N, C-alpha and C. Protein backbone atom coordinates (compact mmCIF):
# COMPACT_ATOMS: atom_id res chain seq x y z
N MET A 1 -36.52 -5.54 63.71
CA MET A 1 -35.78 -5.01 62.59
C MET A 1 -35.30 -6.20 61.96
N ASP A 2 -35.25 -6.01 60.62
CA ASP A 2 -34.61 -7.01 59.67
C ASP A 2 -33.22 -7.24 59.97
N PRO A 3 -32.81 -8.55 60.22
CA PRO A 3 -31.40 -8.75 60.59
C PRO A 3 -30.34 -8.12 59.63
N GLU A 4 -30.63 -8.06 58.40
CA GLU A 4 -29.63 -7.52 57.46
C GLU A 4 -29.58 -5.87 57.61
N VAL A 5 -30.69 -5.33 57.88
CA VAL A 5 -30.79 -3.91 58.24
C VAL A 5 -30.00 -3.63 59.67
N LEU A 6 -30.39 -4.50 60.45
CA LEU A 6 -29.66 -4.27 61.95
C LEU A 6 -28.13 -4.54 61.83
N ALA A 7 -27.67 -5.37 61.02
CA ALA A 7 -26.27 -5.70 60.88
C ALA A 7 -25.59 -4.43 60.17
N GLN A 8 -26.17 -3.96 59.25
CA GLN A 8 -25.70 -2.72 58.57
C GLN A 8 -25.71 -1.56 59.51
N THR A 9 -26.76 -1.24 60.25
CA THR A 9 -26.80 -0.18 61.21
C THR A 9 -25.83 -0.36 62.32
N ALA A 10 -25.81 -1.55 62.87
CA ALA A 10 -24.93 -1.97 64.07
C ALA A 10 -23.57 -1.83 63.69
N GLY A 11 -23.14 -2.24 62.45
CA GLY A 11 -21.72 -2.14 62.11
C GLY A 11 -21.21 -0.70 62.12
N THR A 12 -22.11 0.22 61.43
CA THR A 12 -21.78 1.55 61.38
C THR A 12 -21.74 2.24 62.75
N THR A 13 -22.77 1.88 63.57
CA THR A 13 -22.83 2.43 64.92
C THR A 13 -21.71 2.06 65.74
N VAL A 14 -21.33 0.80 65.81
CA VAL A 14 -20.27 0.28 66.64
C VAL A 14 -19.00 1.06 66.29
N VAL A 15 -18.68 1.19 64.98
CA VAL A 15 -17.44 1.89 64.61
C VAL A 15 -17.55 3.41 65.03
N ALA A 16 -18.71 3.96 64.80
CA ALA A 16 -18.83 5.35 65.14
C ALA A 16 -18.66 5.64 66.65
N LEU A 17 -19.14 4.64 67.44
CA LEU A 17 -19.11 4.76 68.88
C LEU A 17 -17.62 4.59 69.45
N MET A 18 -16.72 3.96 68.62
CA MET A 18 -15.34 3.70 68.95
C MET A 18 -14.77 5.03 69.26
N ALA A 19 -14.98 5.97 68.71
CA ALA A 19 -14.40 7.24 68.83
C ALA A 19 -15.02 8.19 69.88
N THR A 20 -15.79 7.60 70.69
CA THR A 20 -16.52 8.45 71.80
C THR A 20 -16.29 7.87 73.22
N ASP A 21 -16.79 8.60 74.13
CA ASP A 21 -16.74 8.20 75.52
C ASP A 21 -17.53 6.94 75.84
N ALA A 22 -18.49 6.64 74.93
CA ALA A 22 -19.30 5.41 75.22
C ALA A 22 -18.63 4.17 74.64
N TRP A 23 -17.43 4.30 74.37
CA TRP A 23 -16.67 3.16 73.63
C TRP A 23 -16.59 1.93 74.67
N GLN A 24 -16.22 2.11 75.90
CA GLN A 24 -16.18 1.01 76.84
C GLN A 24 -17.44 0.30 77.00
N ARG A 25 -18.49 1.04 77.12
CA ARG A 25 -19.82 0.35 77.20
C ARG A 25 -20.16 -0.42 76.03
N THR A 26 -19.90 0.10 74.80
CA THR A 26 -20.19 -0.59 73.61
C THR A 26 -19.35 -1.89 73.59
N ARG A 27 -18.10 -1.73 73.78
CA ARG A 27 -17.22 -2.94 73.69
C ARG A 27 -17.78 -3.97 74.65
N GLU A 28 -18.02 -3.68 75.89
CA GLU A 28 -18.45 -4.66 76.83
C GLU A 28 -19.71 -5.39 76.40
N GLY A 29 -20.66 -4.60 75.87
CA GLY A 29 -21.99 -5.06 75.31
C GLY A 29 -21.77 -6.03 74.21
N VAL A 30 -21.01 -5.68 73.25
CA VAL A 30 -20.74 -6.50 72.03
C VAL A 30 -20.01 -7.71 72.35
N VAL A 31 -19.01 -7.58 73.26
CA VAL A 31 -18.27 -8.80 73.69
C VAL A 31 -19.19 -9.83 74.37
N ALA A 32 -20.15 -9.22 75.30
CA ALA A 32 -21.05 -10.13 75.99
C ALA A 32 -21.95 -10.89 75.14
N LEU A 33 -22.31 -10.24 74.13
CA LEU A 33 -23.15 -10.94 73.01
C LEU A 33 -22.50 -12.06 72.47
N TRP A 34 -21.20 -11.86 72.10
CA TRP A 34 -20.41 -12.93 71.49
C TRP A 34 -20.08 -14.05 72.48
N ARG A 35 -19.91 -13.77 73.75
CA ARG A 35 -19.78 -14.71 74.75
C ARG A 35 -20.92 -15.68 74.83
N ARG A 36 -22.08 -15.05 74.61
CA ARG A 36 -23.43 -15.80 74.74
C ARG A 36 -23.67 -16.74 73.47
N VAL A 37 -23.30 -16.23 72.28
CA VAL A 37 -23.54 -16.97 71.08
C VAL A 37 -22.51 -17.78 70.62
N ARG A 38 -21.31 -17.14 70.75
CA ARG A 38 -20.10 -17.90 70.14
C ARG A 38 -18.87 -17.65 71.15
N PRO A 39 -18.93 -18.35 72.32
CA PRO A 39 -18.01 -18.12 73.42
C PRO A 39 -16.54 -18.26 73.06
N ALA A 40 -16.27 -19.12 72.09
CA ALA A 40 -14.98 -19.50 71.76
C ALA A 40 -14.29 -18.29 70.92
N GLN A 41 -15.11 -17.52 70.39
CA GLN A 41 -14.57 -16.36 69.59
C GLN A 41 -14.61 -15.02 70.39
N ALA A 42 -15.17 -14.95 71.54
CA ALA A 42 -15.41 -13.72 72.40
C ALA A 42 -14.04 -12.93 72.59
N ASP A 43 -12.88 -13.64 72.99
CA ASP A 43 -11.68 -13.01 73.31
C ASP A 43 -11.05 -12.30 72.00
N GLU A 44 -11.21 -13.18 70.86
CA GLU A 44 -10.82 -12.73 69.62
C GLU A 44 -11.58 -11.38 69.19
N VAL A 45 -12.75 -11.38 69.43
CA VAL A 45 -13.69 -10.26 69.10
C VAL A 45 -13.29 -9.05 69.92
N ASP A 46 -13.12 -9.24 71.22
CA ASP A 46 -12.55 -8.14 72.14
C ASP A 46 -11.30 -7.62 71.60
N THR A 47 -10.29 -8.40 71.15
CA THR A 47 -9.15 -7.83 70.69
C THR A 47 -9.25 -7.13 69.33
N ALA A 48 -10.14 -7.70 68.45
CA ALA A 48 -10.49 -7.09 67.23
C ALA A 48 -11.13 -5.72 67.27
N LEU A 49 -11.99 -5.68 68.46
CA LEU A 49 -12.63 -4.33 68.60
C LEU A 49 -11.74 -3.32 69.04
N GLN A 50 -10.74 -3.78 69.94
CA GLN A 50 -9.76 -2.70 70.32
C GLN A 50 -8.74 -2.39 69.14
N GLU A 51 -8.47 -3.29 68.34
CA GLU A 51 -7.62 -2.97 67.20
C GLU A 51 -8.34 -2.02 66.19
N THR A 52 -9.56 -2.29 66.06
CA THR A 52 -10.43 -1.50 65.13
C THR A 52 -10.49 -0.05 65.71
N ARG A 53 -10.64 0.04 67.06
CA ARG A 53 -10.71 1.39 67.71
C ARG A 53 -9.45 2.10 67.40
N ASP A 54 -8.30 1.52 67.49
CA ASP A 54 -7.01 2.15 67.28
C ASP A 54 -7.04 2.58 65.87
N GLU A 55 -7.50 1.79 64.89
CA GLU A 55 -7.42 2.13 63.47
C GLU A 55 -8.35 3.19 63.15
N ILE A 56 -9.57 3.28 63.75
CA ILE A 56 -10.58 4.30 63.42
C ILE A 56 -9.97 5.62 63.93
N LEU A 57 -9.39 5.68 65.12
CA LEU A 57 -8.90 6.89 65.68
C LEU A 57 -7.79 7.46 64.74
N THR A 58 -6.93 6.57 64.27
CA THR A 58 -5.88 6.95 63.44
C THR A 58 -6.57 7.50 62.07
N ALA A 59 -7.48 6.69 61.50
CA ALA A 59 -8.07 7.08 60.27
C ALA A 59 -8.69 8.51 60.41
N GLN A 60 -9.49 8.71 61.54
CA GLN A 60 -10.12 9.99 61.72
C GLN A 60 -9.10 11.15 61.87
N HIS A 61 -8.00 10.82 62.54
CA HIS A 61 -6.88 11.86 62.67
C HIS A 61 -6.41 12.16 61.37
N GLU A 62 -6.22 11.15 60.41
CA GLU A 62 -5.59 11.50 59.16
C GLU A 62 -6.63 11.86 58.05
N GLY A 63 -7.87 11.80 58.38
CA GLY A 63 -8.96 12.13 57.44
C GLY A 63 -9.19 11.07 56.43
N ASP A 64 -8.95 9.89 56.79
CA ASP A 64 -9.05 8.81 55.85
C ASP A 64 -10.47 8.15 55.85
N THR A 65 -11.40 8.63 55.23
CA THR A 65 -12.75 8.17 55.24
C THR A 65 -12.90 6.79 54.58
N ALA A 66 -12.07 6.55 53.55
CA ALA A 66 -12.09 5.15 53.04
C ALA A 66 -11.65 4.12 54.01
N GLY A 67 -10.82 4.35 54.91
CA GLY A 67 -10.28 3.44 55.89
C GLY A 67 -11.41 3.08 56.90
N ALA A 68 -12.11 4.33 57.21
CA ALA A 68 -13.27 4.10 58.19
C ALA A 68 -14.38 3.25 57.46
N ASP A 69 -14.70 3.48 56.29
CA ASP A 69 -15.60 2.73 55.56
C ASP A 69 -15.31 1.18 55.55
N ASP A 70 -14.01 0.85 55.34
CA ASP A 70 -13.60 -0.53 55.37
C ASP A 70 -13.80 -1.20 56.73
N LEU A 71 -13.51 -0.46 57.83
CA LEU A 71 -13.76 -0.97 59.15
C LEU A 71 -15.30 -1.08 59.35
N GLU A 72 -16.08 -0.27 58.89
CA GLU A 72 -17.59 -0.41 59.05
C GLU A 72 -18.08 -1.70 58.31
N ARG A 73 -17.53 -1.86 57.14
CA ARG A 73 -17.99 -3.11 56.39
C ARG A 73 -17.50 -4.36 57.06
N ASP A 74 -16.31 -4.37 57.61
CA ASP A 74 -15.81 -5.52 58.45
C ASP A 74 -16.77 -5.75 59.58
N TRP A 75 -17.18 -4.76 60.45
CA TRP A 75 -18.03 -5.10 61.43
C TRP A 75 -19.44 -5.44 61.09
N ARG A 76 -19.87 -4.79 59.98
CA ARG A 76 -21.24 -5.25 59.45
C ARG A 76 -21.24 -6.78 59.07
N ARG A 77 -20.10 -7.21 58.48
CA ARG A 77 -20.14 -8.68 58.21
C ARG A 77 -20.04 -9.51 59.45
N ARG A 78 -19.17 -9.12 60.36
CA ARG A 78 -19.12 -9.90 61.57
C ARG A 78 -20.49 -9.95 62.43
N LEU A 79 -21.20 -8.73 62.48
CA LEU A 79 -22.42 -8.69 63.13
C LEU A 79 -23.53 -9.52 62.30
N ARG A 80 -23.48 -9.45 61.08
CA ARG A 80 -24.36 -10.27 60.30
C ARG A 80 -24.28 -11.69 60.50
N ARG A 81 -22.93 -12.19 60.67
CA ARG A 81 -22.72 -13.66 61.00
C ARG A 81 -23.22 -13.96 62.39
N LEU A 82 -23.03 -12.97 63.42
CA LEU A 82 -23.48 -13.35 64.74
C LEU A 82 -24.97 -13.38 64.70
N LEU A 83 -25.74 -12.42 64.03
CA LEU A 83 -27.16 -12.50 63.93
C LEU A 83 -27.59 -13.75 63.31
N ALA A 84 -26.97 -14.25 62.26
CA ALA A 84 -27.34 -15.39 61.58
C ALA A 84 -27.22 -16.67 62.50
N ALA A 85 -26.12 -16.64 63.35
CA ALA A 85 -26.02 -17.80 64.25
C ALA A 85 -26.94 -17.79 65.34
N ASP A 86 -27.57 -16.65 65.73
CA ASP A 86 -28.56 -16.66 66.78
C ASP A 86 -29.37 -15.31 66.54
N PRO A 87 -30.38 -15.41 65.98
CA PRO A 87 -31.27 -14.22 65.66
C PRO A 87 -31.89 -13.57 66.89
N SER A 88 -31.92 -14.36 68.03
CA SER A 88 -32.47 -13.85 69.17
C SER A 88 -31.66 -12.71 69.87
N VAL A 89 -30.41 -12.53 69.45
CA VAL A 89 -29.52 -11.55 69.98
C VAL A 89 -29.84 -10.16 69.42
N ALA A 90 -30.75 -10.14 68.38
CA ALA A 90 -30.96 -8.93 67.72
C ALA A 90 -31.48 -7.85 68.53
N ARG A 91 -32.43 -8.12 69.47
CA ARG A 91 -33.01 -7.17 70.43
C ARG A 91 -31.89 -6.78 71.47
N ASP A 92 -31.08 -7.65 71.79
CA ASP A 92 -29.97 -7.36 72.83
C ASP A 92 -29.01 -6.38 72.05
N LEU A 93 -28.67 -6.65 70.89
CA LEU A 93 -27.65 -5.78 70.15
C LEU A 93 -28.35 -4.39 70.09
N GLU A 94 -29.58 -4.31 69.65
CA GLU A 94 -30.17 -2.96 69.57
C GLU A 94 -30.11 -2.24 70.84
N GLU A 95 -30.36 -2.96 72.02
CA GLU A 95 -30.32 -2.32 73.31
C GLU A 95 -28.91 -1.84 73.79
N VAL A 96 -27.89 -2.72 73.41
CA VAL A 96 -26.47 -2.31 73.75
C VAL A 96 -26.19 -1.00 72.95
N LEU A 97 -26.63 -0.88 71.72
CA LEU A 97 -26.19 0.30 70.91
C LEU A 97 -27.05 1.57 71.40
N ALA A 98 -28.36 1.29 71.72
CA ALA A 98 -29.15 2.41 72.08
C ALA A 98 -28.65 2.93 73.61
N GLU A 99 -28.21 2.09 74.44
CA GLU A 99 -27.79 2.50 75.74
C GLU A 99 -26.39 3.25 75.58
N ALA A 100 -25.47 2.82 74.70
CA ALA A 100 -24.18 3.37 74.45
C ALA A 100 -24.49 4.76 73.86
N ARG A 101 -25.45 4.96 72.87
CA ARG A 101 -25.63 6.30 72.34
C ARG A 101 -26.34 7.22 73.38
N ALA A 102 -27.29 6.64 74.18
CA ALA A 102 -27.95 7.50 75.11
C ALA A 102 -26.98 7.98 76.23
N SER A 103 -25.71 7.27 76.49
CA SER A 103 -24.92 7.74 77.52
C SER A 103 -24.09 8.90 77.21
N LEU A 104 -24.21 9.25 75.81
CA LEU A 104 -23.46 10.44 75.38
C LEU A 104 -24.30 11.70 75.36
N PRO A 105 -23.73 12.83 75.45
CA PRO A 105 -24.49 14.10 75.34
C PRO A 105 -25.10 14.07 73.90
N GLU A 106 -26.21 14.70 73.86
CA GLU A 106 -26.95 14.65 72.52
C GLU A 106 -26.07 15.08 71.28
N ASN A 107 -25.27 16.15 71.48
CA ASN A 107 -24.53 16.64 70.41
C ASN A 107 -23.37 15.81 69.97
N GLU A 108 -23.04 14.75 70.82
CA GLU A 108 -21.95 13.87 70.47
C GLU A 108 -22.33 12.48 70.11
N ARG A 109 -23.69 12.27 69.97
CA ARG A 109 -24.07 11.02 69.50
C ARG A 109 -23.92 10.80 68.06
N PRO A 110 -23.45 9.66 67.64
CA PRO A 110 -23.32 9.45 66.20
C PRO A 110 -24.79 9.33 65.63
N PRO A 111 -24.79 9.74 64.48
CA PRO A 111 -26.26 9.57 63.85
C PRO A 111 -26.58 8.15 63.59
N ILE A 112 -27.87 7.91 63.62
CA ILE A 112 -28.30 6.59 63.29
C ILE A 112 -28.39 6.41 61.89
N PRO A 113 -27.67 5.41 61.20
CA PRO A 113 -27.74 5.27 59.66
C PRO A 113 -29.23 4.94 59.32
N SER A 114 -29.61 5.62 58.18
CA SER A 114 -30.87 5.26 57.69
C SER A 114 -30.79 5.27 56.16
N VAL A 115 -31.93 4.65 55.67
CA VAL A 115 -32.06 4.74 54.25
C VAL A 115 -33.47 5.25 53.93
N ARG A 116 -33.55 6.18 52.92
CA ARG A 116 -34.71 6.82 52.57
C ARG A 116 -34.91 6.58 51.06
N LEU A 117 -35.96 5.93 50.68
CA LEU A 117 -36.31 5.68 49.28
C LEU A 117 -37.45 6.52 48.98
N GLU A 118 -37.41 7.19 47.76
CA GLU A 118 -38.60 7.96 47.37
C GLU A 118 -38.69 7.84 45.95
N ALA A 119 -39.92 7.57 45.47
CA ALA A 119 -40.16 7.58 44.04
C ALA A 119 -41.58 8.13 43.57
N HIS A 120 -41.54 8.49 42.44
CA HIS A 120 -42.87 9.14 41.88
C HIS A 120 -43.24 8.45 40.52
N ALA A 121 -44.37 7.98 40.41
CA ALA A 121 -44.72 7.32 39.23
C ALA A 121 -45.88 8.04 38.58
N SER A 122 -46.02 7.89 37.33
CA SER A 122 -47.16 8.35 36.66
C SER A 122 -47.61 7.43 35.47
N GLY A 123 -48.75 7.61 35.15
CA GLY A 123 -49.27 6.77 34.05
C GLY A 123 -49.36 5.24 34.28
N ASN A 124 -48.69 4.47 33.47
CA ASN A 124 -48.67 2.91 33.83
C ASN A 124 -47.31 2.55 34.45
N ALA A 125 -46.61 3.48 34.91
CA ALA A 125 -45.28 3.16 35.43
C ALA A 125 -45.16 2.20 36.58
N ARG A 126 -44.14 1.51 36.88
CA ARG A 126 -44.04 0.56 38.05
C ARG A 126 -42.77 1.04 38.71
N ILE A 127 -42.84 0.93 39.98
CA ILE A 127 -41.73 1.32 40.81
C ILE A 127 -41.35 0.11 41.78
N TYR A 128 -40.07 -0.22 41.66
CA TYR A 128 -39.59 -1.34 42.46
C TYR A 128 -38.45 -0.69 43.35
N GLN A 129 -38.46 -0.73 44.62
CA GLN A 129 -37.56 -0.25 45.43
C GLN A 129 -37.07 -1.26 46.50
N ALA A 130 -35.81 -1.22 46.75
CA ALA A 130 -35.35 -2.07 47.82
C ALA A 130 -34.04 -1.57 48.46
N GLY A 131 -33.83 -1.91 49.74
CA GLY A 131 -32.71 -1.50 50.35
C GLY A 131 -31.52 -2.41 50.10
N ARG A 132 -31.89 -3.66 49.59
CA ARG A 132 -30.88 -4.45 49.25
C ARG A 132 -31.28 -5.40 48.05
N ASP A 133 -31.16 -6.65 48.10
CA ASP A 133 -31.60 -7.59 47.06
C ASP A 133 -33.11 -7.42 46.80
N GLN A 134 -33.40 -7.63 45.54
CA GLN A 134 -34.86 -7.71 45.13
C GLN A 134 -35.02 -8.66 44.14
N HIS A 135 -36.03 -9.43 44.27
CA HIS A 135 -36.42 -10.57 43.26
C HIS A 135 -37.85 -10.26 42.91
N ILE A 136 -38.07 -10.01 41.61
CA ILE A 136 -39.32 -9.75 41.07
C ILE A 136 -39.83 -10.94 40.11
N VAL A 137 -40.94 -11.48 40.34
CA VAL A 137 -41.46 -12.45 39.47
C VAL A 137 -42.75 -12.06 38.95
N GLU A 138 -42.91 -11.61 37.72
CA GLU A 138 -44.08 -11.26 37.17
C GLU A 138 -44.72 -12.29 36.32
N ARG A 139 -45.97 -12.39 36.44
CA ARG A 139 -46.75 -13.50 35.69
C ARG A 139 -47.78 -12.86 34.85
């Protein structure tokens, strides 16, 4: 999976799993990845995960979706930097999240974020679609 897409999906999934019974497994897996790639930051990340969990539970209790969105963006950034530091952890991150989701009953699993692009063209139309940045050079 593209590292940018993985960071987006993982950030959303990590925050979603914080409010479930799979939280402990998720936290341990994410912290283990940090210990492998950036060991000096692992304890800080562990603390940040717990603080974020407290914040997400409060946000959900109060119906604060904007607060939850901010927390997801924060974890997307953190995970993007982790993946940039060592792209080889991508598969391990996917496994941590898949195992955490699978440990929950099916009706309690957070949805896997996805992007669906659809376009229809006719005549001489051109369609350019991207899930993020797009650079087009026509000659």
